[in-house]
């Protein structure tokens, strides 16, 4: 994804498939948020993102380098393998590798 616009209040990220607007958390709310180390996994959220990656093993290495984690448990679906993952703040998402 590339950054299309950025300000103190938001970032607009874009790829050929999606545009994502990330709003800054208001200061009065941010003051009450604590990110533990390791982060507490937040699985009960309104959104869960799925990303197709060329390789689950490569995604696992890159995530670890950036402070996240791709979990070892895998599932298979029609034409793909999938793993849950966690970003450095504890947000859960999935990475999928095509198997065709």
Protein backbone atom coordinates (compact mmCIF):
# COMPACT_ATOMS: atom_id res chain seq x y z
CA UNK A 1 0.00 0.00 0.00
CA UNK A 2 1.12 3.51 -0.62
CA UNK A 3 0.32 6.64 1.37
CA UNK A 4 -2.00 8.90 -0.63
CA UNK A 5 -2.47 11.54 2.09
CA UNK A 6 -1.22 12.01 5.61
CA UNK A 7 -1.93 14.55 8.34
CA UNK A 8 -1.82 14.63 12.14
CA UNK A 9 -5.40 13.31 12.22
CA UNK A 10 -5.38 10.58 9.58
CA UNK A 11 -3.52 8.57 6.95
CA UNK A 12 -5.00 7.45 3.65
CA UNK A 13 -3.42 4.25 2.32
CA UNK A 14 -4.18 2.79 -1.08
CA UNK A 15 -3.44 -0.26 -3.22
CA UNK A 16 -5.05 -1.40 -6.46
CA UNK A 17 -7.58 -3.36 -4.38
CA UNK A 18 -8.45 -1.14 -1.42
CA UNK A 19 -8.28 2.34 0.04
CA UNK A 20 -7.98 2.49 3.82
CA UNK A 21 -8.39 5.58 5.99
CA UNK A 22 -6.81 5.32 9.43
CA UNK A 23 -7.96 7.99 11.89
CA UNK A 24 -5.83 9.01 14.87
CA UNK A 25 -7.27 8.14 18.25
CA UNK A 26 -8.34 11.31 20.05
CA UNK A 27 -5.84 12.25 22.78
CA UNK A 28 -8.35 11.91 25.63
CA UNK A 29 -9.03 8.30 24.58
CA UNK A 30 -5.40 7.46 23.75
CA UNK A 31 -4.36 8.42 27.28
CA UNK A 32 -6.42 5.51 28.62
CA UNK A 33 -4.93 2.89 26.28
CA UNK A 34 -2.02 0.76 27.41
CA UNK A 35 -0.19 -1.56 25.03
CA UNK A 36 1.37 -4.35 27.06
CA UNK A 37 4.47 -6.28 26.07
CA UNK A 38 3.69 -8.75 24.74
CA UNK A 39 0.42 -7.17 23.63
CA UNK A 40 -2.90 -8.53 24.80
CA UNK A 41 -4.56 -10.15 21.78
CA UNK A 42 -7.75 -8.37 20.75
CA UNK A 43 -9.82 -10.96 18.95
CA UNK A 44 -13.27 -9.50 19.63
CA UNK A 45 -13.27 -6.58 17.19
CA UNK A 46 -15.70 -5.29 14.61
CA UNK A 47 -13.29 -5.83 11.70
CA UNK A 48 -10.91 -8.65 10.79
CA UNK A 49 -8.60 -8.20 7.85
CA UNK A 50 -7.41 -10.94 5.50
CA UNK A 51 -4.28 -10.50 3.41
CA UNK A 52 -3.09 -12.74 0.60
CA UNK A 53 0.67 -13.28 0.81
CA UNK A 54 3.06 -15.10 -1.50
CA UNK A 55 4.37 -17.27 1.37
CA UNK A 56 3.16 -17.92 4.92
CA UNK A 57 6.72 -18.69 6.04
CA UNK A 58 8.00 -15.39 4.61
CA UNK A 59 5.07 -13.56 6.25
CA UNK A 60 5.99 -15.19 9.56
CA UNK A 61 9.59 -13.91 9.32
CA UNK A 62 8.58 -10.39 8.25
CA UNK A 63 5.94 -10.12 10.98
CA UNK A 64 8.48 -11.15 13.63
CA UNK A 65 10.97 -8.54 12.36
CA UNK A 66 8.26 -5.85 12.67
CA UNK A 67 7.13 -6.85 16.18
CA UNK A 68 4.14 -9.00 15.21
CA UNK A 69 3.52 -12.71 14.93
CA UNK A 70 2.02 -15.16 12.45
CA UNK A 71 0.75 -18.11 14.47
CA UNK A 72 1.75 -21.67 13.60
CA UNK A 73 -1.75 -23.17 13.49
CA UNK A 74 -2.94 -23.43 9.86
CA UNK A 75 -6.20 -24.19 8.11
CA UNK A 76 -6.79 -25.15 4.51
CA UNK A 77 -9.57 -23.96 2.28
CA UNK A 78 -10.29 -24.35 -1.41
CA UNK A 79 -7.08 -23.14 -3.04
CA UNK A 80 -5.44 -21.60 0.04
CA UNK A 81 -3.79 -22.12 3.43
CA UNK A 82 -4.42 -19.58 6.19
CA UNK A 83 -2.95 -18.55 9.56
CA UNK A 84 -4.09 -16.04 12.14
CA UNK A 85 -1.60 -13.31 12.97
CA UNK A 86 -1.18 -10.51 15.49
CA UNK A 87 0.24 -7.01 14.97
CA UNK A 88 2.41 -5.27 17.60
CA UNK A 89 -0.70 -3.71 19.22
CA UNK A 90 -2.54 -7.03 19.60
CA UNK A 91 -4.92 -6.73 16.62
CA UNK A 92 -5.72 -10.10 15.06
CA UNK A 93 -5.79 -10.59 11.28
CA UNK A 94 -5.25 -13.45 8.82
CA UNK A 95 -2.72 -14.15 6.13
CA UNK A 96 -3.57 -16.49 3.24
CA UNK A 97 -1.28 -18.27 0.83
CA UNK A 98 -2.70 -19.59 -2.44
CA UNK A 99 -2.05 -23.29 -3.01
CA UNK A 100 -3.09 -23.66 -6.64
